[in-house]
C-alpha atoms as a PDB file:
ATOM      1  CA  UNK A   1      -0.205 -27.464  28.827  1.00  0.00           C
ATOM      2  CA  UNK A   2      -1.100 -29.781  25.962  1.00  0.00           C
ATOM      3  CA  UNK A   3      -2.222 -28.292  22.652  1.00  0.00           C
ATOM      4  CA  UNK A   4      -5.720 -29.746  22.780  1.00  0.00           C
ATOM      5  CA  UNK A   5      -6.281 -28.428  26.298  1.00  0.00           C
ATOM      6  CA  UNK A   6      -5.089 -24.985  25.236  1.00  0.00           C
ATOM      7  CA  UNK A   7      -7.420 -24.943  22.207  1.00  0.00           C
ATOM      8  CA  UNK A   8     -10.349 -26.045  24.394  1.00  0.00           C
ATOM      9  CA  UNK A   9      -9.724 -23.115  26.738  1.00  0.00           C
ATOM     10  CA  UNK A  10      -9.681 -20.730  23.774  1.00  0.00           C
ATOM     11  CA  UNK A  11     -12.964 -22.169  22.452  1.00  0.00           C
ATOM     12  CA  UNK A  12     -14.563 -21.925  25.875  1.00  0.00           C
ATOM     13  CA  UNK A  13     -13.425 -18.304  26.267  1.00  0.00           C
ATOM     14  CA  UNK A  14     -14.931 -17.454  22.864  1.00  0.00           C
ATOM     15  CA  UNK A  15     -18.140 -19.314  23.635  1.00  0.00           C
ATOM     16  CA  UNK A  16     -17.634 -21.537  20.611  1.00  0.00           C
ATOM     17  CA  UNK A  17     -18.485 -25.245  21.053  1.00  0.00           C
ATOM     18  CA  UNK A  18     -16.125 -27.871  19.713  1.00  0.00           C
ATOM     19  CA  UNK A  19     -16.895 -28.764  16.094  1.00  0.00           C
ATOM     20  CA  UNK A  20     -18.661 -25.466  15.364  1.00  0.00           C
ATOM     21  CA  UNK A  21     -18.116 -24.232  11.756  1.00  0.00           C
ATOM     22  CA  UNK A  22     -15.663 -21.346  11.318  1.00  0.00           C
ATOM     23  CA  UNK A  23     -17.206 -17.867  11.097  1.00  0.00           C
ATOM     24  CA  UNK A  24     -17.871 -16.338   7.693  1.00  0.00           C
ATOM     25  CA  UNK A  25     -15.518 -13.342   7.547  1.00  0.00           C
ATOM     26  CA  UNK A  26     -15.790 -12.493   3.882  1.00  0.00           C
ATOM     27  CA  UNK A  27     -18.903 -10.411   3.201  1.00  0.00           C
ATOM     28  CA  UNK A  28     -18.610  -8.344   6.392  1.00  0.00           C
ATOM     29  CA  UNK A  29     -22.414  -8.652   6.542  1.00  0.00           C
ATOM     30  CA  UNK A  30     -22.743  -6.876   3.206  1.00  0.00           C
ATOM     31  CA  UNK A  31     -24.577  -8.627   0.395  1.00  0.00           C
ATOM     32  CA  UNK A  32     -22.469  -9.625  -2.609  1.00  0.00           C
ATOM     33  CA  UNK A  33     -24.874  -7.894  -4.990  1.00  0.00           C
ATOM     34  CA  UNK A  34     -24.623  -4.637  -3.021  1.00  0.00           C
ATOM     35  CA  UNK A  35     -20.835  -4.769  -3.319  1.00  0.00           C
ATOM     36  CA  UNK A  36     -21.026  -5.543  -7.026  1.00  0.00           C
ATOM     37  CA  UNK A  37     -23.361  -2.616  -7.670  1.00  0.00           C
ATOM     38  CA  UNK A  38     -21.095  -0.275  -5.771  1.00  0.00           C
ATOM     39  CA  UNK A  39     -18.095  -1.447  -7.798  1.00  0.00           C
ATOM     40  CA  UNK A  40     -20.015  -0.885 -11.049  1.00  0.00           C
ATOM     41  CA  UNK A  41     -20.931   2.640  -9.910  1.00  0.00           C
ATOM     42  CA  UNK A  42     -17.309   3.426  -9.013  1.00  0.00           C
ATOM     43  CA  UNK A  43     -16.049   2.191 -12.381  1.00  0.00           C
ATOM     44  CA  UNK A  44     -18.665   4.212 -14.273  1.00  0.00           C
ATOM     45  CA  UNK A  45     -17.908   7.373 -12.291  1.00  0.00           C
ATOM     46  CA  UNK A  46     -14.170   6.969 -12.812  1.00  0.00           C
ATOM     47  CA  UNK A  47     -14.619   6.465 -16.550  1.00  0.00           C
ATOM     48  CA  UNK A  48     -16.788   9.585 -16.832  1.00  0.00           C
ATOM     49  CA  UNK A  49     -14.242  11.688 -14.908  1.00  0.00           C
ATOM     50  CA  UNK A  50     -11.070  10.079 -16.239  1.00  0.00           C
ATOM     51  CA  UNK A  51      -9.430  13.267 -17.544  1.00  0.00           C
ATOM     52  CA  UNK A  52     -10.125  15.158 -14.313  1.00  0.00           C
ATOM     53  CA  UNK A  53      -8.887  12.257 -12.185  1.00  0.00           C
ATOM     54  CA  UNK A  54      -5.632  12.003 -14.121  1.00  0.00           C
ATOM     55  CA  UNK A  55      -5.062  15.742 -13.772  1.00  0.00           C
ATOM     56  CA  UNK A  56      -5.745  15.610 -10.044  1.00  0.00           C
ATOM     57  CA  UNK A  57      -3.509  12.581  -9.601  1.00  0.00           C
ATOM     58  CA  UNK A  58      -0.655  14.403 -11.326  1.00  0.00           C
ATOM     59  CA  UNK A  59      -1.125  17.548  -9.217  1.00  0.00           C
ATOM     60  CA  UNK A  60      -1.437  15.780  -5.848  1.00  0.00           C
ATOM     61  CA  UNK A  61       1.393  13.361  -6.594  1.00  0.00           C
ATOM     62  CA  UNK A  62       3.702  16.275  -7.401  1.00  0.00           C
ATOM     63  CA  UNK A  63       2.874  17.822  -4.015  1.00  0.00           C
ATOM     64  CA  UNK A  64       3.718  14.478  -2.365  1.00  0.00           C
ATOM     65  CA  UNK A  65       7.211  14.432  -3.868  1.00  0.00           C
ATOM     66  CA  UNK A  66       6.666  12.445  -7.055  1.00  0.00           C
ATOM     67  CA  UNK A  67       8.273  13.705 -10.260  1.00  0.00           C
ATOM     68  CA  UNK A  68       5.370  13.276 -12.649  1.00  0.00           C
ATOM     69  CA  UNK A  69       5.562  12.828 -16.409  1.00  0.00           C
ATOM     70  CA  UNK A  70       2.375  12.624 -18.459  1.00  0.00           C
ATOM     71  CA  UNK A  71       3.345  10.591 -21.509  1.00  0.00           C
ATOM     72  CA  UNK A  72       1.091  11.090 -24.539  1.00  0.00           C
ATOM     73  CA  UNK A  73       1.930   7.597 -25.834  1.00  0.00           C
ATOM     74  CA  UNK A  74       3.578   4.325 -24.848  1.00  0.00           C
ATOM     75  CA  UNK A  75       6.608   5.201 -26.984  1.00  0.00           C
ATOM     76  CA  UNK A  76       6.990   8.535 -25.199  1.00  0.00           C
ATOM     77  CA  UNK A  77       6.843   6.714 -21.854  1.00  0.00           C
ATOM     78  CA  UNK A  78       9.607   4.332 -22.948  1.00  0.00           C
ATOM     79  CA  UNK A  79      11.706   7.254 -24.169  1.00  0.00           C
ATOM     80  CA  UNK A  80      11.312   9.051 -20.842  1.00  0.00           C
ATOM     81  CA  UNK A  81      12.368   6.023 -18.784  1.00  0.00           C
ATOM     82  CA  UNK A  82      15.299   5.337 -21.117  1.00  0.00           C
ATOM     83  CA  UNK A  83      16.454   8.951 -20.803  1.00  0.00           C
ATOM     84  CA  UNK A  84      16.184   8.678 -17.017  1.00  0.00           C
ATOM     85  CA  UNK A  85      18.283   5.499 -17.000  1.00  0.00           C
ATOM     86  CA  UNK A  86      20.950   7.210 -19.100  1.00  0.00           C
ATOM     87  CA  UNK A  87      20.850  10.326 -16.890  1.00  0.00           C
ATOM     88  CA  UNK A  88      21.366   8.201 -13.772  1.00  0.00           C
ATOM     89  CA  UNK A  89      24.134   6.181 -15.370  1.00  0.00           C
ATOM     90  CA  UNK A  90      22.103   3.050 -14.687  1.00  0.00           C
ATOM     91  CA  UNK A  91      23.777  -0.243 -15.481  1.00  0.00           C
ATOM     92  CA  UNK A  92      20.935  -2.433 -14.199  1.00  0.00           C
ATOM     93  CA  UNK A  93      17.169  -2.072 -13.997  1.00  0.00           C
ATOM     94  CA  UNK A  94      14.751  -4.421 -12.269  1.00  0.00           C
ATOM     95  CA  UNK A  95      11.071  -4.417 -13.134  1.00  0.00           C
ATOM     96  CA  UNK A  96       7.886  -6.066 -11.952  1.00  0.00           C
ATOM     97  CA  UNK A  97       5.874  -8.513 -14.039  1.00  0.00           C
ATOM     98  CA  UNK A  98       2.856  -6.213 -14.482  1.00  0.00           C
ATOM     99  CA  UNK A  99       0.942  -6.597 -17.785  1.00  0.00           C
ATOM    100  CA  UNK A 100       1.855  -3.029 -18.801  1.00  0.00           C
ATOM    101  CA  UNK A 101       5.275  -4.321 -19.890  1.00  0.00           C
ATOM    102  CA  UNK A 102       3.584  -6.393 -22.587  1.00  0.00           C
ATOM    103  CA  UNK A 103       2.482  -3.085 -24.120  1.00  0.00           C
ATOM    104  CA  UNK A 104       5.635  -1.037 -23.525  1.00  0.00           C
ATOM    105  CA  UNK A 105       8.825  -2.214 -25.326  1.00  0.00           C
ATOM    106  CA  UNK A 106      10.928  -1.035 -22.399  1.00  0.00           C
ATOM    107  CA  UNK A 107      13.187  -4.080 -22.065  1.00  0.00           C
ATOM    108  CA  UNK A 108      14.393  -3.861 -25.656  1.00  0.00           C
ATOM    109  CA  UNK A 109      15.001  -0.107 -25.423  1.00  0.00           C
ATOM    110  CA  UNK A 110      17.077  -0.437 -22.245  1.00  0.00           C
ATOM    111  CA  UNK A 111      19.057  -3.444 -23.439  1.00  0.00           C
ATOM    112  CA  UNK A 112      19.748  -1.636 -26.699  1.00  0.00           C
ATOM    113  CA  UNK A 113      21.674   0.927 -24.636  1.00  0.00           C
ATOM    114  CA  UNK A 114      23.606  -1.669 -22.653  1.00  0.00           C
ATOM    115  CA  UNK A 115      21.386  -1.651 -19.547  1.00  0.00           C
ATOM    116  CA  UNK A 116      20.815  -5.033 -17.910  1.00  0.00           C
ATOM    117  CA  UNK A 117      17.116  -5.728 -17.278  1.00  0.00           C
ATOM    118  CA  UNK A 118      15.897  -8.275 -14.723  1.00  0.00           C
ATOM    119  CA  UNK A 119      12.347  -9.286 -13.832  1.00  0.00           C
ATOM    120  CA  UNK A 120      11.538  -9.620 -10.134  1.00  0.00           C
ATOM    121  CA  UNK A 121       9.701 -12.916 -10.521  1.00  0.00           C
ATOM    122  CA  UNK A 122      10.321 -16.506  -9.519  1.00  0.00           C
ATOM    123  CA  UNK A 123       9.694 -17.529 -13.132  1.00  0.00           C
ATOM    124  CA  UNK A 124      13.055 -15.960 -14.006  1.00  0.00           C
ATOM    125  CA  UNK A 125      14.683 -19.072 -12.527  1.00  0.00           C
ATOM    126  CA  UNK A 126      16.496 -17.274  -9.718  1.00  0.00           C
ATOM    127  CA  UNK A 127      16.072 -18.184  -6.071  1.00  0.00           C
ATOM    128  CA  UNK A 128      14.397 -15.803  -3.647  1.00  0.00           C
ATOM    129  CA  UNK A 129      17.769 -14.786  -2.202  1.00  0.00           C
ATOM    130  CA  UNK A 130      19.236 -14.231  -5.669  1.00  0.00           C
ATOM    131  CA  UNK A 131      16.251 -12.069  -6.606  1.00  0.00           C
ATOM    132  CA  UNK A 132      16.644 -10.010  -3.454  1.00  0.00           C
ATOM    133  CA  UNK A 133      20.319  -9.373  -4.192  1.00  0.00           C
ATOM    134  CA  UNK A 134      19.597  -8.524  -7.841  1.00  0.00           C
ATOM    135  CA  UNK A 135      16.888  -6.039  -6.865  1.00  0.00           C
ATOM    136  CA  UNK A 136      18.995  -4.468  -4.111  1.00  0.00           C
ATOM    137  CA  UNK A 137      21.855  -3.879  -6.544  1.00  0.00           C
ATOM    138  CA  UNK A 138      19.676  -2.364  -9.293  1.00  0.00           C
ATOM    139  CA  UNK A 139      19.966   1.323 -10.108  1.00  0.00           C
ATOM    140  CA  UNK A 140      16.291   1.686 -11.018  1.00  0.00           C
ATOM    141  CA  UNK A 141      13.174  -0.209 -10.007  1.00  0.00           C
ATOM    142  CA  UNK A 142      10.378   0.078 -12.576  1.00  0.00           C
ATOM    143  CA  UNK A 143       6.888  -1.209 -11.841  1.00  0.00           C
ATOM    144  CA  UNK A 144       3.411  -1.101 -13.176  1.00  0.00           C
ATOM    145  CA  UNK A 145       0.606  -0.452 -10.708  1.00  0.00           C
ATOM    146  CA  UNK A 146      -2.776  -1.998  -9.976  1.00  0.00           C
ATOM    147  CA  UNK A 147      -4.534   1.202  -8.918  1.00  0.00           C
ATOM    148  CA  UNK A 148      -3.768   4.895  -8.530  1.00  0.00           C
ATOM    149  CA  UNK A 149      -5.646   7.144  -6.091  1.00  0.00           C
ATOM    150  CA  UNK A 150      -6.141  10.751  -7.155  1.00  0.00           C
ATOM    151  CA  UNK A 151      -7.031  12.200  -3.735  1.00  0.00           C
ATOM    152  CA  UNK A 152      -3.761  11.042  -2.139  1.00  0.00           C
ATOM    153  CA  UNK A 153      -1.396  10.939  -5.125  1.00  0.00           C
ATOM    154  CA  UNK A 154      -0.738   7.266  -4.412  1.00  0.00           C
ATOM    155  CA  UNK A 155      -0.029   4.198  -6.495  1.00  0.00           C
ATOM    156  CA  UNK A 156      -1.135   0.785  -5.248  1.00  0.00           C
ATOM    157  CA  UNK A 157       0.476  -2.600  -5.861  1.00  0.00           C
ATOM    158  CA  UNK A 158      -1.284  -5.849  -4.966  1.00  0.00           C
ATOM    159  CA  UNK A 159       1.139  -8.628  -3.992  1.00  0.00           C
ATOM    160  CA  UNK A 160       1.216 -11.716  -6.209  1.00  0.00           C
ATOM    161  CA  UNK A 161       3.829 -13.678  -8.184  1.00  0.00           C
ATOM    162  CA  UNK A 162       5.940 -11.124 -10.047  1.00  0.00           C
ATOM    163  CA  UNK A 163       4.743  -8.204  -7.917  1.00  0.00           C
ATOM    164  CA  UNK A 164       6.454  -7.674  -4.567  1.00  0.00           C
ATOM    165  CA  UNK A 165       7.714  -4.873  -2.342  1.00  0.00           C
ATOM    166  CA  UNK A 166      11.290  -5.308  -3.540  1.00  0.00           C
ATOM    167  CA  UNK A 167      11.310  -3.484  -6.880  1.00  0.00           C
ATOM    168  CA  UNK A 168       9.636  -0.283  -5.608  1.00  0.00           C
ATOM    169  CA  UNK A 169      11.486  -0.355  -2.272  1.00  0.00           C
ATOM    170  CA  UNK A 170      15.120  -1.404  -2.643  1.00  0.00           C
ATOM    171  CA  UNK A 171      16.566   0.495  -5.643  1.00  0.00           C
ATOM    172  CA  UNK A 172      17.369   4.205  -5.064  1.00  0.00           C
ATOM    173  CA  UNK A 173      14.947   5.296  -7.810  1.00  0.00           C
ATOM    174  CA  UNK A 174      11.431   3.924  -8.318  1.00  0.00           C
ATOM    175  CA  UNK A 175       9.495   4.528 -11.530  1.00  0.00           C
ATOM    176  CA  UNK A 176       5.770   3.719 -11.401  1.00  0.00           C
ATOM    177  CA  UNK A 177       3.891   3.410 -14.700  1.00  0.00           C
ATOM    178  CA  UNK A 178       0.202   4.325 -14.463  1.00  0.00           C
ATOM    179  CA  UNK A 179      -2.424   3.671 -17.138  1.00  0.00           C
ATOM    180  CA  UNK A 180      -5.654   5.721 -17.349  1.00  0.00           C
ATOM    181  CA  UNK A 181      -8.028   2.880 -16.429  1.00  0.00           C
ATOM    182  CA  UNK A 182      -6.182   2.396 -13.124  1.00  0.00           C
ATOM    183  CA  UNK A 183      -6.937   5.873 -11.742  1.00  0.00           C
ATOM    184  CA  UNK A 184      -9.716   6.182  -9.146  1.00  0.00           C
ATOM    185  CA  UNK A 185     -10.979   9.069  -7.099  1.00  0.00           C
ATOM    186  CA  UNK A 186     -10.510   8.096  -3.457  1.00  0.00           C
ATOM    187  CA  UNK A 187      -9.321   5.554  -0.932  1.00  0.00           C
ATOM    188  CA  UNK A 188     -12.975   4.693  -0.306  1.00  0.00           C
ATOM    189  CA  UNK A 189     -13.242   3.668  -3.969  1.00  0.00           C
ATOM    190  CA  UNK A 190     -10.066   1.617  -3.713  1.00  0.00           C
ATOM    191  CA  UNK A 191     -11.223  -0.330  -0.669  1.00  0.00           C
ATOM    192  CA  UNK A 192     -14.686  -0.913  -2.141  1.00  0.00           C
ATOM    193  CA  UNK A 193     -13.084  -2.417  -5.252  1.00  0.00           C
ATOM    194  CA  UNK A 194     -10.809  -4.541  -3.095  1.00  0.00           C
ATOM    195  CA  UNK A 195     -13.795  -5.827  -1.110  1.00  0.00           C
ATOM    196  CA  UNK A 196     -15.445  -6.864  -4.363  1.00  0.00           C
ATOM    197  CA  UNK A 197     -12.266  -8.599  -5.469  1.00  0.00           C
ATOM    198  CA  UNK A 198     -12.131 -10.325  -2.089  1.00  0.00           C
ATOM    199  CA  UNK A 199     -15.594 -11.769  -2.637  1.00  0.00           C
ATOM    200  CA  UNK A 200     -14.906 -12.772  -6.240  1.00  0.00           C
ATOM    201  CA  UNK A 201     -11.697 -14.567  -5.284  1.00  0.00           C
ATOM    202  CA  UNK A 202     -13.201 -16.129  -2.153  1.00  0.00           C
ATOM    203  CA  UNK A 203     -10.683 -14.535   0.165  1.00  0.00           C
ATOM    204  CA  UNK A 204      -7.518 -15.144  -1.875  1.00  0.00           C
ATOM    205  CA  UNK A 205      -6.097 -11.615  -1.924  1.00  0.00           C
ATOM    206  CA  UNK A 206      -2.364 -12.104  -1.447  1.00  0.00           C
ATOM    207  CA  UNK A 207      -0.429 -11.214   1.650  1.00  0.00           C
ATOM    208  CA  UNK A 208      -0.412  -7.409   1.487  1.00  0.00           C
ATOM    209  CA  UNK A 209      -1.284  -4.255  -0.442  1.00  0.00           C
ATOM    210  CA  UNK A 210       1.381  -1.565  -0.966  1.00  0.00           C
ATOM    211  CA  UNK A 211       0.285   2.095  -1.087  1.00  0.00           C
ATOM    212  CA  UNK A 212       3.116   4.384  -2.194  1.00  0.00           C
ATOM    213  CA  UNK A 213       2.604   8.117  -1.777  1.00  0.00           C
ATOM    214  CA  UNK A 214       6.020   9.586  -2.558  1.00  0.00           C
ATOM    215  CA  UNK A 215       9.636   8.975  -1.583  1.00  0.00           C
ATOM    216  CA  UNK A 216      10.523   7.325   1.709  1.00  0.00           C
ATOM    217  CA  UNK A 217      10.511   9.833   4.567  1.00  0.00           C
ATOM    218  CA  UNK A 218      11.403   9.668   8.223  1.00  0.00           C
ATOM    219  CA  UNK A 219      11.978  12.236  10.981  1.00  0.00           C
ATOM    220  CA  UNK A 220      13.737  12.184  14.337  1.00  0.00           C
ATOM    221  CA  UNK A 221      12.419  13.550  17.619  1.00  0.00           C
ATOM    222  CA  UNK A 222      13.450  17.058  16.555  1.00  0.00           C
ATOM    223  CA  UNK A 223      11.279  16.654  13.434  1.00  0.00           C
ATOM    224  CA  UNK A 224      14.196  16.836  11.025  1.00  0.00           C
ATOM    225  CA  UNK A 225      12.862  15.222   7.859  1.00  0.00           C
ATOM    226  CA  UNK A 226      15.162  12.850   5.981  1.00  0.00           C
ATOM    227  CA  UNK A 227      14.255  11.368   2.586  1.00  0.00           C
ATOM    228  CA  UNK A 228      15.274   7.936   1.361  1.00  0.00           C
ATOM    229  CA  UNK A 229      16.204   6.191   4.609  1.00  0.00           C
ATOM    230  CA  UNK A 230      13.725   3.298   4.393  1.00  0.00           C
ATOM    231  CA  UNK A 231      13.146   3.242   0.648  1.00  0.00           C
ATOM    232  CA  UNK A 232      13.882   5.077  -2.598  1.00  0.00           C
ATOM    233  CA  UNK A 233      15.234   8.593  -2.423  1.00  0.00           C
ATOM    234  CA  UNK A 234      13.530   9.490  -5.706  1.00  0.00           C
ATOM    235  CA  UNK A 235      10.197   8.433  -7.199  1.00  0.00           C
ATOM    236  CA  UNK A 236       8.907   9.057 -10.700  1.00  0.00           C
ATOM    237  CA  UNK A 237       5.330   8.605 -11.877  1.00  0.00           C
ATOM    238  CA  UNK A 238       4.821   8.051 -15.596  1.00  0.00           C
ATOM    239  CA  UNK A 239       1.178   8.399 -16.609  1.00  0.00           C
ATOM    240  CA  UNK A 240       0.619   6.834 -20.039  1.00  0.00           C
ATOM    241  CA  UNK A 241      -2.377   8.749 -21.348  1.00  0.00           C
ATOM    242  CA  UNK A 242      -3.187   6.606 -24.409  1.00  0.00           C
END
């Protein structure tokens, strides 16, 4: 069957005449202003409850298997990650390109102790295959986050250049750095904010969204739980409180 004939059959089955404009998927029949107002309300509520949300995030994340450290300052956060790298005997660390690393002098601290630091980003000059090998061989993967969800103890990473699934997935230890303004109450809040971002960016949202709620877990038919089979065996959450 020729391509054009196949496409005609699909159009006929959908009841869509040839030349009809594509459907508008973006607003999901919700007005842009309604979405914007909801996002404003979520941000205001999160700001008013920030201390409670951070405390809940820490508590729920610990129940989910995260080892949580609430750092009172950026310097304390760097010191904690450096101590972890030394404890693990890490020779190489790979990190994401999140903006938090512009505020945390982590690279210099690690390199000062002989730890090799690589950035999981195409701008580093490495090919995709070279980046994958570098990340897979790293002892620690350190990332920022884009959101954190208190009700589930999850961190969320939105795919884009410099932010991929590799750094939090391939190394045996993942360290996620959370800043206060990134903590929200619920998954409903998260998806409402993502809908608003979808509208603002006219549908350009990257290829996926990663929600990480603890170390990798899997179980066989006898329900024997094994940690670390499909991802890191250990996850650390560093909440930078100032």
